[in-house]
Amino acid sequence: MISLTRRAAAPARPASRDSLSGAERAGALRVSLRPSTALFIVVAGSLAIAAAALWTALAPWIGGWRAVPATLAFAAAGALSVAAWRRTQPRVIEIGPDHIRAFARDGACVASGPLVGCSQWGAALLVLSVGTARQRRVLIVAADAAPAEAFRELAVRGRCAAGH
C-alpha cells in the first residue's frame, strides 16, 4: 500500500518527536515505504556468494563435507542479520521543508533532522544521511520501495544537501 499525502493543517494532538502521531506537520509530505524486493535480492545474493566463498576457502583445508556445517552456520547468521536489518528499516518517511523524519513499523522515530548528505546510484538507490554532526543516521531508500514522485523529491533534496 502506497500512501503519498500532503498535510495542510496542524495536528489535533500536541507534536511529539518520538512517534508517528506527532508527524503531521503543515506542508509535510508523508511517504509510506514498502519492503524493497530488489534490495532484498541483492543482499540475499551477496550472502550466498559470501557463503560459497567461505566453503571454497575451507574445503581444501578440512574437506568438502566438513566445511558444510561452518558454511551453513555462516549463512544462518547472515540471514538472521539481514532479517534484523529489514525490521529496523523505516516504513514512513516525512519530508518537511527543513527536515526529514523516518518512522519504524511501530511508529517510533528512527531518524530525525536535516538532510546532511546523499549518495545516489542511478535511478535505483538513495543513501541519505539524516541528522546533525553529532547524531547521524543513514537511510537506504530503493526506487521500488517508494513512489516515483517521492523518490525523485528525495533525490533532489539529497543532491542539494550534498552540495552544501
C-alpha atoms as a PDB file:
ATOM      1  CA  MET A   1       0.000   0.000   0.000  1.00  0.00           C
ATOM      2  CA  ILE A   2       1.421   3.348  -1.021  1.00  0.00           C
ATOM      3  CA  SER A   3       0.360   6.498   0.751  1.00  0.00           C
ATOM      4  CA  LEU A   4       1.516   9.849  -0.537  1.00  0.00           C
ATOM      5  CA  THR A   5      -0.222  12.789   1.088  1.00  0.00           C
ATOM      6  CA  ARG A   6       0.478  16.372   1.972  1.00  0.00           C
ATOM      7  CA  ARG A   7      -0.683  17.615   5.340  1.00  0.00           C
ATOM      8  CA  ALA A   8      -2.159  21.121   5.188  1.00  0.00           C
ATOM      9  CA  ALA A   9      -3.258  21.656   8.760  1.00  0.00           C
ATOM     10  CA  ALA A  10      -1.620  21.477  12.151  1.00  0.00           C
ATOM     11  CA  PRO A  11      -2.156  18.245  14.069  1.00  0.00           C
ATOM     12  CA  ALA A  12      -5.026  17.943  16.511  1.00  0.00           C
ATOM     13  CA  ARG A  13      -2.665  16.483  19.126  1.00  0.00           C
ATOM     14  CA  PRO A  14       0.482  18.061  20.541  1.00  0.00           C
ATOM     15  CA  ALA A  15       3.600  17.313  18.493  1.00  0.00           C
ATOM     16  CA  SER A  16       5.921  14.562  19.658  1.00  0.00           C
ATOM     17  CA  ARG A  17       9.357  13.768  18.256  1.00  0.00           C
ATOM     18  CA  ASP A  18       9.149  10.123  19.235  1.00  0.00           C
ATOM     19  CA  SER A  19       6.070   8.861  17.448  1.00  0.00           C
ATOM     20  CA  LEU A  20       4.316   8.975  14.125  1.00  0.00           C
ATOM     21  CA  SER A  21       1.259  10.579  15.697  1.00  0.00           C
ATOM     22  CA  GLY A  22       3.085  13.893  16.021  1.00  0.00           C
ATOM     23  CA  ALA A  23       4.455  13.758  12.494  1.00  0.00           C
ATOM     24  CA  GLU A  24       1.565  15.520  10.846  1.00  0.00           C
ATOM     25  CA  ARG A  25       3.151  18.917  10.300  1.00  0.00           C
ATOM     26  CA  ALA A  26       1.838  21.585   7.947  1.00  0.00           C
ATOM     27  CA  GLY A  27       3.095  21.109   4.410  1.00  0.00           C
ATOM     28  CA  ALA A  28       4.955  17.870   5.161  1.00  0.00           C
ATOM     29  CA  LEU A  29       4.938  15.083   2.604  1.00  0.00           C
ATOM     30  CA  ARG A  30       4.441  11.639   4.182  1.00  0.00           C
ATOM     31  CA  VAL A  31       5.566   8.657   2.158  1.00  0.00           C
ATOM     32  CA  SER A  32       4.759   5.050   3.046  1.00  0.00           C
ATOM     33  CA  LEU A  33       7.585   2.722   2.087  1.00  0.00           C
ATOM     34  CA  ARG A  34       7.195  -0.934   1.243  1.00  0.00           C
ATOM     35  CA  PRO A  35       9.986  -3.501   1.560  1.00  0.00           C
ATOM     36  CA  SER A  36      12.270  -3.393  -1.472  1.00  0.00           C
ATOM     37  CA  THR A  37      12.336  -6.629  -3.450  1.00  0.00           C
ATOM     38  CA  ALA A  38      15.390  -5.579  -5.469  1.00  0.00           C
ATOM     39  CA  LEU A  39      17.404  -4.688  -2.380  1.00  0.00           C
ATOM     40  CA  PHE A  40      16.459  -7.991  -0.731  1.00  0.00           C
ATOM     41  CA  ILE A  41      17.582  -9.935  -3.820  1.00  0.00           C
ATOM     42  CA  VAL A  42      20.918  -8.095  -3.881  1.00  0.00           C
ATOM     43  CA  VAL A  43      21.557  -8.696  -0.171  1.00  0.00           C
ATOM     44  CA  ALA A  44      20.494 -12.362  -0.353  1.00  0.00           C
ATOM     45  CA  GLY A  45      22.650 -12.910  -3.443  1.00  0.00           C
ATOM     46  CA  SER A  46      25.640 -11.296  -1.744  1.00  0.00           C
ATOM     47  CA  LEU A  47      25.146 -13.530   1.287  1.00  0.00           C
ATOM     48  CA  ALA A  48      25.015 -16.612  -0.948  1.00  0.00           C
ATOM     49  CA  ILE A  49      28.235 -15.554  -2.707  1.00  0.00           C
ATOM     50  CA  ALA A  50      29.949 -14.977   0.649  1.00  0.00           C
ATOM     51  CA  ALA A  51      28.845 -18.418   1.895  1.00  0.00           C
ATOM     52  CA  ALA A  52      30.134 -20.042  -1.297  1.00  0.00           C
ATOM     53  CA  ALA A  53      33.447 -18.203  -0.903  1.00  0.00           C
ATOM     54  CA  LEU A  54      33.736 -19.461   2.687  1.00  0.00           C
ATOM     55  CA  TRP A  55      33.098 -23.045   1.581  1.00  0.00           C
ATOM     56  CA  THR A  56      35.627 -22.655  -1.251  1.00  0.00           C
ATOM     57  CA  ALA A  57      38.242 -21.412   1.209  1.00  0.00           C
ATOM     58  CA  LEU A  58      37.597 -24.085   3.843  1.00  0.00           C
ATOM     59  CA  ALA A  59      37.059 -27.154   1.633  1.00  0.00           C
ATOM     60  CA  PRO A  60      40.702 -27.666   0.552  1.00  0.00           C
ATOM     61  CA  TRP A  61      41.894 -27.452   4.159  1.00  0.00           C
ATOM     62  CA  ILE A  62      39.366 -29.501   6.081  1.00  0.00           C
ATOM     63  CA  GLY A  63      37.457 -31.347   3.353  1.00  0.00           C
ATOM     64  CA  GLY A  64      34.249 -30.598   1.492  1.00  0.00           C
ATOM     65  CA  TRP A  65      31.835 -32.304   3.892  1.00  0.00           C
ATOM     66  CA  ARG A  66      33.497 -30.850   6.966  1.00  0.00           C
ATOM     67  CA  ALA A  67      33.241 -27.339   5.525  1.00  0.00           C
ATOM     68  CA  VAL A  68      29.460 -27.622   5.094  1.00  0.00           C
ATOM     69  CA  PRO A  69      28.473 -27.071   8.784  1.00  0.00           C
ATOM     70  CA  ALA A  70      30.643 -23.964   9.083  1.00  0.00           C
ATOM     71  CA  THR A  71      29.253 -22.630   5.816  1.00  0.00           C
ATOM     72  CA  LEU A  72      25.658 -23.284   6.880  1.00  0.00           C
ATOM     73  CA  ALA A  73      26.285 -21.609  10.260  1.00  0.00           C
ATOM     74  CA  PHE A  74      27.725 -18.580   8.472  1.00  0.00           C
ATOM     75  CA  ALA A  75      24.747 -18.438   6.097  1.00  0.00           C
ATOM     76  CA  ALA A  76      22.275 -18.745   9.001  1.00  0.00           C
ATOM     77  CA  ALA A  77      23.990 -15.971  10.978  1.00  0.00           C
ATOM     78  CA  GLY A  78      23.956 -13.774   7.892  1.00  0.00           C
ATOM     79  CA  ALA A  79      20.277 -14.496   7.255  1.00  0.00           C
ATOM     80  CA  LEU A  80      19.410 -13.572  10.853  1.00  0.00           C
ATOM     81  CA  SER A  81      21.362 -10.331  10.469  1.00  0.00           C
ATOM     82  CA  VAL A  82      19.525  -9.492   7.251  1.00  0.00           C
ATOM     83  CA  ALA A  83      16.156 -10.182   8.918  1.00  0.00           C
ATOM     84  CA  ALA A  84      17.069  -7.933  11.862  1.00  0.00           C
ATOM     85  CA  TRP A  85      18.231  -5.188   9.483  1.00  0.00           C
ATOM     86  CA  ARG A  86      14.975  -5.349   7.495  1.00  0.00           C
ATOM     87  CA  ARG A  87      12.942  -4.926  10.704  1.00  0.00           C
ATOM     88  CA  THR A  88      14.781  -1.688  11.530  1.00  0.00           C
ATOM     89  CA  GLN A  89      14.156  -0.098   8.142  1.00  0.00           C
ATOM     90  CA  PRO A  90      11.687   2.817   8.115  1.00  0.00           C
ATOM     91  CA  ARG A  91       8.096   2.324   6.974  1.00  0.00           C
ATOM     92  CA  VAL A  92       7.166   6.016   6.704  1.00  0.00           C
ATOM     93  CA  ILE A  93       9.317   8.984   5.742  1.00  0.00           C
ATOM     94  CA  GLU A  94       8.111  12.513   6.387  1.00  0.00           C
ATOM     95  CA  ILE A  95       9.685  15.121   4.127  1.00  0.00           C
ATOM     96  CA  GLY A  96       9.291  18.584   5.614  1.00  0.00           C
ATOM     97  CA  PRO A  97      10.584  21.916   4.353  1.00  0.00           C
ATOM     98  CA  ASP A  98      13.716  21.760   6.509  1.00  0.00           C
ATOM     99  CA  HIS A  99      13.793  18.242   7.942  1.00  0.00           C
ATOM    100  CA  ILE A 100      13.308  14.577   7.250  1.00  0.00           C
ATOM    101  CA  ARG A 101      11.868  12.105   9.726  1.00  0.00           C
ATOM    102  CA  ALA A 102      11.719   8.339   9.393  1.00  0.00           C
ATOM    103  CA  PHE A 103       9.384   6.137  11.404  1.00  0.00           C
ATOM    104  CA  ALA A 104       9.510   2.391  12.057  1.00  0.00           C
ATOM    105  CA  ARG A 105       6.554  -0.024  11.886  1.00  0.00           C
ATOM    106  CA  ASP A 106       5.557   0.670  15.460  1.00  0.00           C
ATOM    107  CA  GLY A 107       5.561   4.452  14.910  1.00  0.00           C
ATOM    108  CA  ALA A 108       8.831   5.150  16.727  1.00  0.00           C
ATOM    109  CA  CYS A 109      11.026   7.835  15.177  1.00  0.00           C
ATOM    110  CA  VAL A 110      14.228   6.179  13.906  1.00  0.00           C
ATOM    111  CA  ALA A 111      15.780   9.243  12.253  1.00  0.00           C
ATOM    112  CA  SER A 112      15.073  12.938  12.517  1.00  0.00           C
ATOM    113  CA  GLY A 113      16.797  16.090  11.409  1.00  0.00           C
ATOM    114  CA  PRO A 114      18.034  17.920   8.371  1.00  0.00           C
ATOM    115  CA  LEU A 115      19.310  16.040   5.350  1.00  0.00           C
ATOM    116  CA  VAL A 116      23.090  16.416   5.545  1.00  0.00           C
ATOM    117  CA  GLY A 117      24.276  14.228   2.696  1.00  0.00           C
ATOM    118  CA  CYS A 118      23.246  11.860  -0.047  1.00  0.00           C
ATOM    119  CA  SER A 119      24.638   9.287  -2.443  1.00  0.00           C
ATOM    120  CA  GLN A 120      22.629   8.087  -5.405  1.00  0.00           C
ATOM    121  CA  TRP A 121      23.266   5.119  -7.637  1.00  0.00           C
ATOM    122  CA  GLY A 122      21.405   5.781 -10.829  1.00  0.00           C
ATOM    123  CA  ALA A 123      17.665   5.677 -10.569  1.00  0.00           C
ATOM    124  CA  ALA A 124      17.698   2.654  -8.268  1.00  0.00           C
ATOM    125  CA  LEU A 125      19.052   3.567  -4.838  1.00  0.00           C
ATOM    126  CA  LEU A 126      19.427   6.523  -2.483  1.00  0.00           C
ATOM    127  CA  VAL A 127      21.601   6.569   0.616  1.00  0.00           C
ATOM    128  CA  LEU A 128      20.534   9.517   2.761  1.00  0.00           C
ATOM    129  CA  SER A 129      22.378  10.859   5.780  1.00  0.00           C
ATOM    130  CA  VAL A 130      19.895  12.426   8.204  1.00  0.00           C
ATOM    131  CA  GLY A 131      20.636  14.239  11.453  1.00  0.00           C
ATOM    132  CA  THR A 132      23.264  16.531  12.877  1.00  0.00           C
ATOM    133  CA  ALA A 133      27.038  16.378  13.015  1.00  0.00           C
ATOM    134  CA  ARG A 134      26.825  14.526  16.343  1.00  0.00           C
ATOM    135  CA  GLN A 135      23.974  12.162  15.560  1.00  0.00           C
ATOM    136  CA  ARG A 136      23.638  10.837  12.039  1.00  0.00           C
ATOM    137  CA  ARG A 137      21.502   8.016  10.760  1.00  0.00           C
ATOM    138  CA  VAL A 138      21.842   6.506   7.306  1.00  0.00           C
ATOM    139  CA  LEU A 139      18.643   5.657   5.444  1.00  0.00           C
ATOM    140  CA  ILE A 140      18.665   3.419   2.382  1.00  0.00           C
ATOM    141  CA  VAL A 141      15.739   4.003   0.034  1.00  0.00           C
ATOM    142  CA  ALA A 142      15.364   1.806  -3.032  1.00  0.00           C
ATOM    143  CA  ALA A 143      13.410   3.039  -6.029  1.00  0.00           C
ATOM    144  CA  ASP A 144      10.939   0.154  -5.814  1.00  0.00           C
ATOM    145  CA  ALA A 145      10.186   0.946  -2.145  1.00  0.00           C
ATOM    146  CA  ALA A 146       8.852   4.464  -2.685  1.00  0.00           C
ATOM    147  CA  PRO A 147       6.547   6.100  -5.221  1.00  0.00           C
ATOM    148  CA  ALA A 148       8.415   7.685  -8.149  1.00  0.00           C
ATOM    149  CA  GLU A 149       7.451  11.251  -7.190  1.00  0.00           C
ATOM    150  CA  ALA A 150       8.675  10.858  -3.605  1.00  0.00           C
ATOM    151  CA  PHE A 151      11.878   9.107  -4.714  1.00  0.00           C
ATOM    152  CA  ARG A 152      12.598  11.955  -7.131  1.00  0.00           C
ATOM    153  CA  GLU A 153      11.969  14.588  -4.444  1.00  0.00           C
ATOM    154  CA  LEU A 154      14.277  12.775  -2.007  1.00  0.00           C
ATOM    155  CA  ALA A 155      16.961  12.570  -4.702  1.00  0.00           C
ATOM    156  CA  VAL A 156      16.728  16.288  -5.482  1.00  0.00           C
ATOM    157  CA  ARG A 157      16.843  17.263  -1.810  1.00  0.00           C
ATOM    158  CA  GLY A 158      19.739  14.886  -1.259  1.00  0.00           C
ATOM    159  CA  ARG A 159      21.760  16.378  -4.110  1.00  0.00           C
ATOM    160  CA  CYS A 160      21.098  19.875  -2.756  1.00  0.00           C
ATOM    161  CA  ALA A 161      22.178  18.818   0.752  1.00  0.00           C
ATOM    162  CA  ALA A 162      25.308  17.105  -0.549  1.00  0.00           C
ATOM    163  CA  GLY A 163      26.329  20.325  -2.294  1.00  0.00           C
ATOM    164  CA  HIS A 164      26.403  22.376   0.926  1.00  0.00           C
END
